[in-house]
N, C-alpha and C. Protein backbone atom coordinates (compact mmCIF):
# COMPACT_ATOMS: atom_id res chain seq x y z
N MET A 1 -262.26 49.96 18.12
CA MET A 1 -262.02 50.76 19.35
C MET A 1 -260.34 50.87 19.89
N PRO A 2 -259.50 51.63 19.28
CA PRO A 2 -257.75 51.52 18.99
C PRO A 2 -257.38 51.91 20.08
N GLY A 3 -256.60 51.00 20.80
CA GLY A 3 -255.42 51.37 21.61
C GLY A 3 -255.94 51.20 23.04
N GLN A 4 -255.92 52.33 23.95
CA GLN A 4 -256.22 52.10 25.08
C GLN A 4 -257.60 52.15 25.66
N ASP A 5 -258.42 52.49 24.78
CA ASP A 5 -259.82 52.88 24.60
C ASP A 5 -260.94 52.13 25.23
N TRP A 6 -260.25 50.67 24.15
CA TRP A 6 -261.32 49.82 24.96
C TRP A 6 -260.52 48.95 26.13
N ILE A 7 -259.71 49.41 26.66
CA ILE A 7 -259.00 48.71 27.65
C ILE A 7 -259.71 49.53 28.97
N GLU A 8 -259.81 51.15 29.15
CA GLU A 8 -260.22 51.40 29.84
C GLU A 8 -262.24 51.19 29.45
N ARG A 9 -262.88 51.38 28.69
CA ARG A 9 -264.37 51.14 28.58
C ARG A 9 -264.35 49.53 29.24
N SER A 10 -263.75 48.45 28.55
CA SER A 10 -264.08 47.49 29.40
C SER A 10 -264.05 47.18 31.26
N GLY A 11 -262.72 48.08 31.21
CA GLY A 11 -262.84 48.14 32.69
C GLY A 11 -263.86 49.17 33.49
N GLU A 12 -263.97 50.20 32.74
CA GLU A 12 -265.37 50.98 33.50
C GLU A 12 -266.79 50.08 33.32
N LEU A 13 -266.76 49.39 32.09
CA LEU A 13 -268.32 48.36 32.64
C LEU A 13 -268.07 47.07 33.16
N PHE A 14 -266.67 46.56 33.53
CA PHE A 14 -266.21 45.76 34.68
C PHE A 14 -266.88 46.47 36.21
N GLU A 15 -266.55 47.33 36.35
CA GLU A 15 -266.36 48.31 37.62
C GLU A 15 -268.22 48.26 38.00
N ALA A 16 -268.80 48.77 36.59
CA ALA A 16 -270.23 48.97 37.05
C ALA A 16 -270.91 47.21 36.85
N ALA A 17 -270.63 46.44 36.55
CA ALA A 17 -271.41 45.41 36.70
C ALA A 17 -270.74 44.71 38.26
N MET A 18 -269.23 44.96 38.79
CA MET A 18 -269.13 44.14 39.78
C MET A 18 -269.24 44.62 41.12
N PHE A 19 -269.15 45.91 41.11
CA PHE A 19 -269.49 46.94 41.73
C PHE A 19 -270.75 48.24 42.14
N GLY A 20 -271.10 48.42 40.68
CA GLY A 20 -272.21 48.85 40.75
C GLY A 20 -273.66 48.51 40.59
N GLY A 21 -273.34 46.52 40.41
CA GLY A 21 -274.65 45.90 40.04
C GLY A 21 -275.47 46.23 38.67
N ASP A 22 -274.85 46.84 37.50
CA ASP A 22 -275.44 47.04 36.32
C ASP A 22 -274.91 45.75 35.52
N THR A 23 -276.03 44.97 35.40
CA THR A 23 -276.06 43.53 35.10
C THR A 23 -275.89 44.12 33.25
N SER A 24 -276.29 44.80 32.78
CA SER A 24 -276.40 45.39 31.35
C SER A 24 -274.91 45.43 30.93
N ALA A 25 -274.17 45.52 31.77
CA ALA A 25 -272.75 46.21 31.65
C ALA A 25 -272.13 45.06 31.10
N LEU A 26 -272.60 44.35 31.38
CA LEU A 26 -271.48 42.56 30.84
C LEU A 26 -272.14 42.20 29.67
N ASP A 27 -273.12 42.27 28.91
CA ASP A 27 -273.14 42.36 27.39
C ASP A 27 -272.68 43.61 26.84
N ARG A 28 -272.42 44.61 27.35
CA ARG A 28 -271.71 45.81 26.28
C ARG A 28 -270.49 45.58 26.92
N SER A 29 -269.87 44.66 27.74
CA SER A 29 -268.57 44.43 28.00
C SER A 29 -268.19 43.58 26.39
N ASP A 30 -268.97 42.77 26.87
CA ASP A 30 -269.07 41.54 25.36
C ASP A 30 -268.91 41.90 24.40
N ASP A 31 -269.55 42.66 23.86
CA ASP A 31 -269.74 43.74 22.77
C ASP A 31 -268.08 44.42 22.78
N VAL A 32 -267.74 45.02 23.50
CA VAL A 32 -266.80 45.56 23.49
C VAL A 32 -265.38 44.31 22.75
N LEU A 33 -265.30 43.73 23.91
CA LEU A 33 -264.26 42.57 23.80
C LEU A 33 -264.73 42.00 22.65
N ASP A 34 -265.46 41.22 21.81
CA ASP A 34 -265.65 41.08 20.89
C ASP A 34 -265.10 41.66 19.82
N SER A 35 -265.00 43.59 19.41
CA SER A 35 -265.03 44.34 18.67
C SER A 35 -263.65 44.27 18.56
N VAL A 36 -262.72 43.58 19.33
CA VAL A 36 -261.20 43.63 19.76
C VAL A 36 -260.76 42.17 18.99
N GLU A 37 -261.62 40.99 19.63
CA GLU A 37 -261.13 39.87 19.68
C GLU A 37 -261.16 39.32 17.83
N ALA A 38 -262.15 40.11 17.56
CA ALA A 38 -262.62 39.60 15.93
C ALA A 38 -261.66 40.01 15.16
N PRO A 39 -261.03 40.62 14.87
CA PRO A 39 -260.16 41.64 14.16
C PRO A 39 -258.78 40.94 14.58
N LEU A 40 -258.47 40.61 15.64
CA LEU A 40 -257.70 40.30 16.21
C LEU A 40 -256.98 38.69 15.85
N SER A 41 -258.44 37.77 15.81
CA SER A 41 -258.24 36.34 15.71
C SER A 41 -258.06 36.44 14.12
N LEU A 42 -258.38 37.60 13.46
CA LEU A 42 -258.88 36.93 11.87
C LEU A 42 -257.35 37.73 11.34
N ALA A 43 -256.54 38.87 12.14
CA ALA A 43 -255.23 39.11 11.94
C ALA A 43 -254.01 38.09 12.21
N ARG A 44 -254.08 37.33 12.95
CA ARG A 44 -253.63 36.22 13.16
C ARG A 44 -253.40 34.66 12.48
N GLY A 45 -254.91 34.68 11.99
CA GLY A 45 -254.92 33.84 11.03
C GLY A 45 -254.37 34.43 9.83
N LYS A 46 -254.42 35.44 9.51
CA LYS A 46 -253.62 35.34 8.02
C LYS A 46 -252.55 35.32 8.10
N VAL A 47 -251.50 35.62 9.06
CA VAL A 47 -250.32 35.36 9.76
C VAL A 47 -249.45 33.83 9.17
N LEU A 48 -250.66 33.26 9.97
CA LEU A 48 -250.86 31.70 9.54
C LEU A 48 -250.50 31.34 8.30
N HIS A 49 -251.44 31.69 8.11
CA HIS A 49 -251.56 31.52 6.34
C HIS A 49 -250.49 31.80 5.48
N VAL A 50 -249.97 33.02 5.88
CA VAL A 50 -248.96 33.44 4.83
C VAL A 50 -247.73 32.43 5.29
N ARG A 51 -247.78 32.20 6.85
CA ARG A 51 -246.16 31.09 6.97
C ARG A 51 -246.85 29.34 6.61
N PHE A 52 -247.86 29.59 5.84
CA PHE A 52 -248.09 28.34 5.43
C PHE A 52 -247.76 28.29 4.01
N LEU A 53 -248.01 29.57 3.19
CA LEU A 53 -247.54 29.43 1.73
C LEU A 53 -245.83 29.17 2.08
N ASN A 54 -245.15 29.70 2.92
CA ASN A 54 -243.55 30.08 2.80
C ASN A 54 -243.16 28.61 3.19
N ASP A 55 -243.55 28.18 4.24
CA ASP A 55 -242.92 26.96 4.59
C ASP A 55 -244.02 25.39 4.32
N ARG A 56 -245.28 25.54 4.43
CA ARG A 56 -245.89 24.40 3.58
C ARG A 56 -246.46 23.43 5.02
N GLU A 57 -246.18 24.17 6.16
CA GLU A 57 -246.26 23.25 7.15
C GLU A 57 -247.42 23.64 7.63
N GLU A 58 -248.19 22.99 8.10
CA GLU A 58 -250.20 23.51 8.55
C GLU A 58 -249.89 23.29 9.90
N ASP A 59 -250.73 24.39 10.43
CA ASP A 59 -250.94 25.09 11.75
C ASP A 59 -252.34 24.96 12.24
N GLY A 60 -253.17 24.26 12.77
CA GLY A 60 -254.41 23.53 12.96
C GLY A 60 -254.95 25.14 13.85
N ARG A 61 -254.22 25.94 14.15
CA ARG A 61 -254.70 27.16 14.94
C ARG A 61 -255.30 28.17 14.04
N GLU A 62 -254.69 27.76 12.67
CA GLU A 62 -255.36 28.93 11.47
C GLU A 62 -256.61 28.94 11.44
N LEU A 63 -257.24 27.48 11.09
CA LEU A 63 -258.55 27.62 11.52
C LEU A 63 -259.45 27.88 12.22
N VAL A 64 -258.71 27.48 13.32
CA VAL A 64 -259.56 28.06 14.61
C VAL A 64 -259.86 29.63 15.23
N LEU A 65 -258.83 30.69 14.54
CA LEU A 65 -258.89 31.45 14.45
C LEU A 65 -259.64 32.48 13.56
N PHE A 66 -259.61 31.81 12.53
CA PHE A 66 -260.83 32.51 11.48
C PHE A 66 -262.46 31.75 11.76
N GLU A 67 -262.58 30.97 12.24
CA GLU A 67 -263.77 30.25 12.78
C GLU A 67 -264.28 31.25 14.15
N ARG A 68 -263.14 31.55 14.50
CA ARG A 68 -263.85 32.15 15.93
C ARG A 68 -263.87 34.25 15.59
N ALA A 69 -262.93 34.25 14.47
CA ALA A 69 -263.35 35.88 14.21
C ALA A 69 -264.78 35.95 13.26
N ALA A 70 -265.22 34.60 12.46
CA ALA A 70 -266.59 34.85 11.77
C ALA A 70 -267.39 34.73 12.93
N GLU A 71 -267.36 33.76 13.43
CA GLU A 71 -268.37 33.85 14.40
C GLU A 71 -268.56 35.09 15.44
N LEU A 72 -267.40 35.79 15.94
CA LEU A 72 -267.58 36.95 16.90
C LEU A 72 -268.82 38.54 15.47
N TYR A 73 -267.80 38.29 14.52
CA TYR A 73 -268.40 39.29 13.35
C TYR A 73 -270.12 39.32 13.42
N ALA A 74 -270.48 37.93 13.27
CA ALA A 74 -271.73 37.17 13.00
C ALA A 74 -272.06 38.07 14.12
N ARG A 75 -271.94 37.70 15.78
CA ARG A 75 -272.64 38.28 16.84
C ARG A 75 -272.82 39.92 16.75
N LEU A 76 -271.74 40.57 16.35
CA LEU A 76 -271.40 41.92 16.33
C LEU A 76 -272.40 42.42 14.99
N GLY A 77 -272.77 41.79 14.40
CA GLY A 77 -273.68 42.34 12.96
C GLY A 77 -272.60 42.92 12.19
N ASN A 78 -271.66 42.48 12.10
CA ASN A 78 -270.08 42.85 11.14
C ASN A 78 -270.52 42.35 10.06
N ALA A 79 -271.39 42.69 8.75
CA ALA A 79 -271.56 41.80 7.55
C ALA A 79 -270.24 41.76 6.60
N SER A 80 -269.42 42.71 6.75
CA SER A 80 -268.20 43.00 6.04
C SER A 80 -266.91 42.18 7.14
N GLY A 81 -266.61 42.11 8.04
CA GLY A 81 -265.89 41.54 8.62
C GLY A 81 -266.55 39.80 9.02
N GLU A 82 -267.01 39.34 8.82
CA GLU A 82 -268.13 38.11 8.53
C GLU A 82 -267.48 37.67 7.59
N ALA A 83 -267.73 38.31 6.19
CA ALA A 83 -267.48 37.90 4.77
C ALA A 83 -265.82 37.50 4.57
N ASP A 84 -265.20 38.29 5.02
CA ASP A 84 -263.91 38.56 5.33
C ASP A 84 -263.48 36.76 5.95
N ALA A 85 -263.95 36.79 7.00
CA ALA A 85 -263.78 35.68 8.21
C ALA A 85 -263.99 34.50 7.22
N LEU A 86 -265.11 34.21 6.59
CA LEU A 86 -265.66 33.13 6.22
C LEU A 86 -265.08 33.13 4.80
N PHE A 87 -264.33 34.07 4.13
CA PHE A 87 -263.59 33.75 2.94
C PHE A 87 -262.25 33.10 3.22
N TRP A 88 -261.49 33.62 4.53
CA TRP A 88 -260.43 32.66 4.99
C TRP A 88 -260.62 31.18 5.82
N VAL A 89 -261.80 30.86 6.25
CA VAL A 89 -262.01 29.89 6.38
C VAL A 89 -262.45 29.04 5.23
N GLY A 90 -262.66 29.06 4.00
CA GLY A 90 -262.70 28.32 3.03
C GLY A 90 -261.41 28.52 2.49
N CYS A 91 -260.84 29.49 2.27
CA CYS A 91 -258.80 29.56 1.97
C CYS A 91 -258.34 28.10 2.86
N TRP A 92 -258.94 28.24 3.85
CA TRP A 92 -258.27 27.04 4.49
C TRP A 92 -258.65 25.84 4.16
N HIS A 93 -259.29 25.22 4.09
CA HIS A 93 -259.73 24.40 3.56
C HIS A 93 -259.60 23.90 1.73
N GLN A 94 -259.60 25.23 1.07
CA GLN A 94 -259.08 25.09 -0.46
C GLN A 94 -257.25 24.72 -0.83
N VAL A 95 -256.63 25.39 0.01
CA VAL A 95 -255.06 26.18 -0.04
C VAL A 95 -254.59 24.92 1.36
N VAL A 96 -254.74 24.88 2.30
CA VAL A 96 -254.33 24.50 3.04
C VAL A 96 -254.79 22.92 3.24
N LYS A 97 -256.17 22.54 3.09
CA LYS A 97 -256.27 20.91 2.95
C LYS A 97 -256.36 20.78 1.88
N GLY A 98 -256.14 21.41 0.41
CA GLY A 98 -256.76 20.60 -0.78
C GLY A 98 -258.03 20.09 -1.07
N ASP A 99 -259.12 20.91 -0.51
CA ASP A 99 -260.51 20.57 -0.24
C ASP A 99 -261.26 21.56 -0.91
N GLY A 100 -261.49 21.73 -2.24
CA GLY A 100 -261.92 23.04 -2.95
C GLY A 100 -263.49 22.32 -2.43
N ALA A 101 -264.22 21.33 -2.64
CA ALA A 101 -265.62 21.27 -2.39
C ALA A 101 -266.02 21.86 -0.92
N THR A 102 -264.89 21.73 -0.02
CA THR A 102 -265.77 22.10 1.36
C THR A 102 -265.25 23.30 1.11
N GLY A 103 -264.30 24.05 0.47
CA GLY A 103 -264.32 25.41 0.59
C GLY A 103 -265.35 26.20 -0.11
N ARG A 104 -266.02 25.72 -1.12
CA ARG A 104 -267.07 26.53 -2.20
C ARG A 104 -267.94 27.32 -1.24
N PRO A 105 -268.88 26.37 -0.51
CA PRO A 105 -270.04 27.41 0.14
C PRO A 105 -269.60 28.30 1.22
N TYR A 106 -268.44 28.29 1.83
CA TYR A 106 -267.74 29.67 2.61
C TYR A 106 -267.20 30.62 1.57
N PHE A 107 -267.14 30.25 0.50
CA PHE A 107 -266.48 31.54 -0.52
C PHE A 107 -268.20 31.82 -1.05
N GLU A 108 -269.21 31.14 -0.83
CA GLU A 108 -270.21 31.62 -1.72
C GLU A 108 -270.84 32.31 -0.74
N ARG A 109 -271.01 32.05 0.45
CA ARG A 109 -271.53 32.89 1.59
C ARG A 109 -270.96 34.24 1.90
N SER A 110 -269.42 33.99 1.85
CA SER A 110 -268.40 35.43 2.14
C SER A 110 -268.90 36.51 0.65
N TYR A 111 -269.06 36.05 -0.37
CA TYR A 111 -269.23 36.69 -2.05
C TYR A 111 -270.74 37.33 -1.88
N ALA A 112 -271.85 36.57 -1.07
CA ALA A 112 -273.16 37.11 -1.09
C ALA A 112 -273.08 38.38 0.15
N LEU A 113 -272.44 37.69 1.40
CA LEU A 113 -272.67 38.98 2.54
C LEU A 113 -271.57 40.10 2.08
N ALA A 114 -270.81 40.34 1.32
CA ALA A 114 -269.51 41.16 1.10
C ALA A 114 -270.08 41.95 -0.20
N LYS A 115 -270.90 41.42 -0.78
CA LYS A 115 -271.85 42.25 -1.94
C LYS A 115 -272.92 43.28 -1.45
N SER A 116 -273.43 41.92 -0.05
CA SER A 116 -274.44 42.90 0.26
C SER A 116 -274.19 44.31 1.03
N VAL A 117 -273.01 44.47 1.58
CA VAL A 117 -272.45 45.53 1.86
C VAL A 117 -271.52 46.33 1.26
N ASP A 118 -271.36 46.05 -0.41
CA ASP A 118 -270.44 46.72 -1.38
C ASP A 118 -268.67 46.68 -0.70
N ASP A 119 -268.75 45.79 -0.43
CA ASP A 119 -267.40 45.36 0.03
C ASP A 119 -266.51 44.46 -1.49
N ARG A 120 -265.89 45.38 -2.05
CA ARG A 120 -265.51 44.67 -3.20
C ARG A 120 -263.57 44.22 -2.90
N MET A 121 -263.22 44.45 -2.13
CA MET A 121 -262.15 43.51 -1.82
C MET A 121 -262.13 42.23 -1.35
N THR A 122 -263.19 41.92 -0.50
CA THR A 122 -263.60 40.75 -0.09
C THR A 122 -264.31 39.84 -1.64
N MET A 123 -265.15 40.54 -1.44
CA MET A 123 -266.00 39.93 -3.07
C MET A 123 -264.91 39.34 -3.99
N SER A 124 -263.86 40.12 -4.48
CA SER A 124 -262.54 39.90 -5.53
C SER A 124 -261.61 38.51 -4.90
N TYR A 125 -261.66 38.63 -3.40
CA TYR A 125 -260.86 37.62 -3.04
C TYR A 125 -262.23 36.04 -3.10
N ALA A 126 -263.09 36.34 -2.54
CA ALA A 126 -264.44 35.31 -2.58
C ALA A 126 -264.29 34.46 -4.53
N ILE A 127 -264.66 35.22 -5.22
CA ILE A 127 -264.93 35.10 -6.24
C ILE A 127 -263.59 34.47 -7.35
N ARG A 128 -262.21 35.12 -6.71
CA ARG A 128 -261.60 34.60 -7.32
C ARG A 128 -261.47 32.96 -7.00
N HIS A 129 -261.35 32.49 -5.93
CA HIS A 129 -261.38 31.44 -5.18
C HIS A 129 -262.37 30.16 -5.66
N LEU A 130 -263.62 30.95 -5.83
CA LEU A 130 -264.43 29.95 -6.31
C LEU A 130 -263.99 30.08 -7.78
N GLY A 131 -263.20 30.75 -8.28
CA GLY A 131 -262.74 30.31 -9.91
C GLY A 131 -262.19 29.73 -9.94
N PHE A 132 -260.94 29.12 -8.86
CA PHE A 132 -260.39 28.64 -8.76
C PHE A 132 -261.24 26.99 -8.38
N ALA A 133 -262.06 26.60 -7.55
CA ALA A 133 -262.90 25.54 -7.41
C ALA A 133 -263.54 25.15 -8.65
N ASP A 134 -263.77 25.97 -9.33
CA ASP A 134 -264.45 25.79 -10.82
C ASP A 134 -263.47 24.87 -11.82
N LYS A 135 -262.21 25.54 -12.06
CA LYS A 135 -261.13 25.15 -12.60
C LYS A 135 -261.02 23.66 -12.18
N ASP A 136 -260.81 23.63 -11.23
CA ASP A 136 -260.47 22.13 -10.52
C ASP A 136 -261.31 21.22 -10.81
N ALA A 137 -262.54 21.50 -11.11
CA ALA A 137 -263.74 20.68 -11.45
C ALA A 137 -263.91 20.77 -12.92
N GLY A 138 -262.90 21.48 -13.78
CA GLY A 138 -262.97 21.47 -15.02
C GLY A 138 -264.02 22.25 -15.63
N ARG A 139 -264.44 23.20 -14.87
CA ARG A 139 -265.41 24.07 -15.39
C ARG A 139 -264.93 25.44 -15.50
N PHE A 140 -264.35 24.89 -17.01
CA PHE A 140 -263.39 26.59 -17.31
C PHE A 140 -263.73 27.58 -17.72
N GLU A 141 -265.22 27.55 -18.63
CA GLU A 141 -265.59 28.33 -18.88
C GLU A 141 -266.09 29.96 -17.62
N GLU A 142 -266.53 28.93 -16.27
CA GLU A 142 -267.46 29.53 -15.13
C GLU A 142 -265.73 30.04 -14.63
N ALA A 143 -264.93 29.34 -14.56
CA ALA A 143 -263.49 29.87 -13.73
C ALA A 143 -263.36 31.00 -14.38
N ARG A 144 -263.48 31.32 -16.12
CA ARG A 144 -262.00 32.26 -16.80
C ARG A 144 -263.59 33.55 -15.96
N ARG A 145 -264.87 33.19 -16.25
CA ARG A 145 -265.75 34.16 -15.67
C ARG A 145 -265.69 34.91 -14.80
N ARG A 146 -265.08 33.97 -13.36
CA ARG A 146 -265.23 34.34 -11.83
C ARG A 146 -264.08 35.11 -11.66
N LEU A 147 -262.77 34.71 -12.60
CA LEU A 147 -261.28 35.15 -12.23
C LEU A 147 -261.47 36.54 -13.09
N THR A 148 -262.45 36.48 -14.17
CA THR A 148 -262.08 37.84 -14.70
C THR A 148 -262.67 39.12 -13.88
N GLU A 149 -264.03 38.40 -13.21
CA GLU A 149 -264.52 39.36 -12.48
C GLU A 149 -263.76 39.88 -11.03
N SER A 150 -263.01 38.81 -10.73
CA SER A 150 -262.30 39.15 -9.33
C SER A 150 -261.07 40.56 -9.91
N VAL A 151 -260.74 40.22 -11.02
CA VAL A 151 -259.70 40.78 -11.92
C VAL A 151 -260.34 42.98 -11.89
N ALA A 152 -261.32 42.34 -12.65
CA ALA A 152 -262.36 43.61 -12.22
C ALA A 152 -262.25 44.35 -11.28
N LEU A 153 -262.81 43.74 -10.16
CA LEU A 153 -263.27 44.62 -8.79
C LEU A 153 -261.77 45.04 -7.98
N ARG A 154 -260.76 44.23 -8.45
CA ARG A 154 -259.95 44.90 -8.18
C ARG A 154 -259.05 46.27 -8.37
N ARG A 155 -259.27 46.07 -9.86
CA ARG A 155 -259.04 47.20 -10.69
C ARG A 155 -260.10 48.25 -10.25
N GLU A 156 -260.87 48.28 -10.01
CA GLU A 156 -262.40 49.17 -9.49
C GLU A 156 -261.59 49.82 -8.61
N ILE A 157 -261.39 49.05 -7.56
CA ILE A 157 -260.86 49.76 -6.30
C ILE A 157 -259.12 50.21 -5.73
N GLY A 158 -258.64 49.84 -7.21
CA GLY A 158 -257.00 50.35 -7.29
C GLY A 158 -256.29 49.18 -6.14
N PHE A 159 -256.29 48.22 -6.13
CA PHE A 159 -256.01 46.91 -5.63
C PHE A 159 -254.51 46.54 -6.44
N ARG A 160 -253.54 47.08 -6.34
CA ARG A 160 -252.93 46.90 -7.62
C ARG A 160 -252.15 45.63 -7.79
N PRO A 161 -252.09 45.01 -6.44
CA PRO A 161 -250.73 43.92 -6.41
C PRO A 161 -252.05 42.70 -6.59
N GLY A 162 -252.98 43.05 -6.38
CA GLY A 162 -254.21 42.11 -6.30
C GLY A 162 -254.51 41.50 -7.82
N GLU A 163 -254.36 43.10 -8.47
CA GLU A 163 -255.08 42.52 -9.82
C GLU A 163 -253.61 42.35 -10.74
N ALA A 164 -252.49 42.02 -10.47
CA ALA A 164 -251.77 41.54 -11.36
C ALA A 164 -251.76 39.78 -10.63
N ALA A 165 -251.96 39.61 -9.63
CA ALA A 165 -252.13 38.06 -9.45
C ALA A 165 -253.03 37.89 -10.03
N GLY A 166 -253.89 38.29 -10.16
CA GLY A 166 -255.39 37.82 -10.97
C GLY A 166 -255.35 37.00 -12.45
N LEU A 167 -254.27 38.33 -12.98
CA LEU A 167 -253.58 38.32 -14.42
C LEU A 167 -253.01 36.85 -14.62
N VAL A 168 -252.22 36.90 -13.29
CA VAL A 168 -251.41 35.14 -13.68
C VAL A 168 -252.48 34.27 -13.57
N ALA A 169 -253.33 34.25 -12.35
CA ALA A 169 -254.34 32.91 -12.32
C ALA A 169 -254.93 32.78 -13.78
N LEU A 170 -255.45 34.20 -14.37
CA LEU A 170 -255.64 34.08 -16.01
C LEU A 170 -254.74 33.24 -17.08
N ALA A 171 -253.74 34.04 -16.73
CA ALA A 171 -252.60 33.09 -17.60
C ALA A 171 -252.97 31.52 -17.47
N TYR A 172 -252.44 31.13 -16.10
CA TYR A 172 -252.33 29.79 -16.30
C TYR A 172 -253.67 29.01 -16.82
N LEU A 173 -254.87 30.05 -16.33
CA LEU A 173 -255.95 29.38 -16.98
C LEU A 173 -256.23 29.33 -18.75
N ALA A 174 -255.38 30.27 -19.27
CA ALA A 174 -255.72 30.44 -20.70
C ALA A 174 -254.31 29.36 -21.08
N ALA A 175 -253.48 29.15 -20.47
CA ALA A 175 -252.71 27.97 -20.83
C ALA A 175 -253.15 26.61 -20.80
N GLU A 176 -253.80 25.85 -19.77
CA GLU A 176 -254.71 25.23 -19.34
C GLU A 176 -255.67 24.47 -20.77
N THR A 177 -256.15 25.61 -21.13
CA THR A 177 -257.00 25.43 -22.05
C THR A 177 -256.62 25.59 -23.41
N GLY A 178 -255.59 25.93 -23.93
CA GLY A 178 -254.72 25.93 -25.04
C GLY A 178 -254.84 26.69 -25.72
N ASP A 179 -254.68 28.12 -24.66
CA ASP A 179 -254.56 29.48 -25.70
C ASP A 179 -253.23 30.08 -25.17
N PRO A 180 -252.14 29.59 -25.35
CA PRO A 180 -251.00 30.03 -25.11
C PRO A 180 -250.60 31.35 -25.17
N SER A 181 -251.19 32.37 -26.20
CA SER A 181 -250.84 33.27 -27.06
C SER A 181 -251.51 34.60 -25.92
N ALA A 182 -253.12 33.91 -25.33
CA ALA A 182 -253.85 34.74 -24.33
C ALA A 182 -253.29 34.61 -23.24
N ALA A 183 -252.03 33.57 -22.47
CA ALA A 183 -251.66 33.36 -21.73
C ALA A 183 -250.12 34.50 -21.02
N ILE A 184 -249.48 34.57 -22.16
CA ILE A 184 -248.52 35.41 -22.42
C ILE A 184 -248.94 36.94 -22.38
N ARG A 185 -250.20 36.88 -23.10
CA ARG A 185 -250.62 38.79 -22.94
C ARG A 185 -250.82 38.96 -21.27
N HIS A 186 -251.49 38.16 -20.51
CA HIS A 186 -252.09 37.85 -19.58
C HIS A 186 -250.51 38.14 -18.53
N LEU A 187 -249.63 37.78 -19.01
CA LEU A 187 -248.54 37.48 -18.13
C LEU A 187 -247.69 39.31 -18.64
N ASP A 188 -247.70 39.68 -19.52
CA ASP A 188 -247.13 40.87 -20.07
C ASP A 188 -247.60 41.93 -19.35
N GLU A 189 -249.10 42.08 -19.44
CA GLU A 189 -249.90 42.97 -18.36
C GLU A 189 -249.46 42.71 -16.91
N ALA A 190 -249.63 41.56 -16.44
CA ALA A 190 -249.31 41.16 -14.85
C ALA A 190 -248.21 42.11 -14.48
N ARG A 191 -247.07 41.66 -15.16
CA ARG A 191 -245.48 41.86 -14.81
C ARG A 191 -245.58 43.29 -14.74
N SER A 192 -246.14 44.08 -16.07
CA SER A 192 -246.45 45.53 -15.81
C SER A 192 -246.78 46.12 -14.53
N VAL A 193 -247.84 45.55 -13.90
CA VAL A 193 -248.74 45.93 -13.16
C VAL A 193 -247.87 45.74 -11.83
N ALA A 194 -247.53 44.45 -12.15
CA ALA A 194 -246.97 44.26 -10.34
C ALA A 194 -245.53 45.32 -10.24
N GLU A 195 -245.02 45.45 -11.30
CA GLU A 195 -244.05 46.45 -11.49
C GLU A 195 -244.12 48.19 -10.82
N SER A 196 -245.53 48.24 -11.33
CA SER A 196 -246.24 49.48 -11.56
C SER A 196 -246.14 49.91 -9.76
N CYS A 197 -246.49 48.94 -8.80
CA CYS A 197 -246.70 48.72 -7.59
C CYS A 197 -245.82 48.39 -6.98
N GLY A 198 -244.81 47.50 -7.24
CA GLY A 198 -244.19 47.17 -6.45
C GLY A 198 -244.14 45.89 -5.92
N ALA A 199 -244.76 44.99 -6.27
CA ALA A 199 -244.85 43.76 -5.98
C ALA A 199 -244.39 42.98 -6.10
N LYS A 200 -243.32 42.64 -5.32
CA LYS A 200 -242.26 41.95 -5.81
C LYS A 200 -242.27 40.55 -6.10
N ALA A 201 -243.10 40.15 -5.18
CA ALA A 201 -243.69 38.86 -4.99
C ALA A 201 -244.94 38.01 -5.91
N VAL A 202 -245.26 39.37 -6.32
CA VAL A 202 -246.10 38.81 -7.66
C VAL A 202 -245.14 38.80 -9.18
N SER A 203 -244.29 39.82 -9.18
CA SER A 203 -243.31 39.87 -10.14
C SER A 203 -242.82 38.31 -10.30
N GLY A 204 -242.39 37.70 -8.98
CA GLY A 204 -241.29 36.24 -8.73
C GLY A 204 -242.78 35.40 -9.34
N TRP A 205 -244.08 35.40 -9.12
CA TRP A 205 -245.03 34.60 -9.66
C TRP A 205 -244.87 34.64 -11.02
N VAL A 206 -244.85 35.70 -11.37
CA VAL A 206 -245.13 36.29 -13.51
C VAL A 206 -244.09 35.05 -13.47
N GLU A 207 -242.69 35.05 -13.69
CA GLU A 207 -241.43 34.32 -13.99
C GLU A 207 -241.73 33.26 -14.07
N GLN A 208 -242.22 32.26 -12.59
CA GLN A 208 -242.71 31.03 -12.43
C GLN A 208 -243.66 30.71 -13.64
N ALA A 209 -244.48 31.19 -13.98
CA ALA A 209 -245.79 31.15 -14.28
C ALA A 209 -245.12 31.12 -16.05
N ARG A 210 -244.39 32.10 -16.31
CA ARG A 210 -243.45 31.47 -18.00
C ARG A 210 -242.82 30.66 -17.94
N THR A 211 -242.19 29.98 -16.71
CA THR A 211 -241.05 29.40 -16.94
C THR A 211 -242.37 27.93 -17.06
N HIS A 212 -243.32 27.72 -16.34
CA HIS A 212 -244.29 26.64 -16.33
C HIS A 212 -245.31 26.49 -18.06
N ILE A 213 -245.65 27.81 -18.44
CA ILE A 213 -245.74 27.33 -19.70
C ILE A 213 -245.48 27.64 -20.73
N ARG A 214 -244.04 27.61 -20.72
CA ARG A 214 -243.12 27.47 -21.84
C ARG A 214 -242.45 25.93 -21.59
N ALA A 215 -242.58 25.21 -20.49
CA ALA A 215 -242.79 23.76 -20.38
C ALA A 215 -243.76 23.18 -20.73
N ALA A 216 -245.01 23.24 -20.53
CA ALA A 216 -245.78 22.46 -20.92
C ALA A 216 -245.91 21.88 -22.74
């Protein structure tokens, strides 16, 4: 509900309830406001997550915002939104707190919900981070399968920066499992994809990975 529309609509519903005695307007007002608050909470949480990645300073509001978004999307019956929010709850546990085991069920639920509505973007994120959890647990073949699926999903939807990032993850996994030649191939492809779409940050990740793999 863009711009002024939700403000006007919520105002109308308030007046209907306050002065018109229409108590059903209260529930309708909740729906209007929840449909605004849910994406706003998710967006604010994502901003805080990027700030964490930049400065590594934890902000507890991030989890609160993601959990609130998941709650609201579930109430609204928005499976795609709920899947996205649940992914970010899992990401907070895995990335911010370093607790992949706690994050895993959120990724699994996120993936299942996203798949039910063919939200391949969210699927690609959830399966990617399930792959990271598998890698950390030493389940390397399962990790490779999941990371490969993530890259394939991103190719299907034309998410080129995400495809490049996925190839970097596959390169690290290949290097860790004793296949440096495959790692370099993944990085060469990642660089090409990143440069083709102007993903400068991912290009930097490619070079960092090269340095790491050479030093290993």
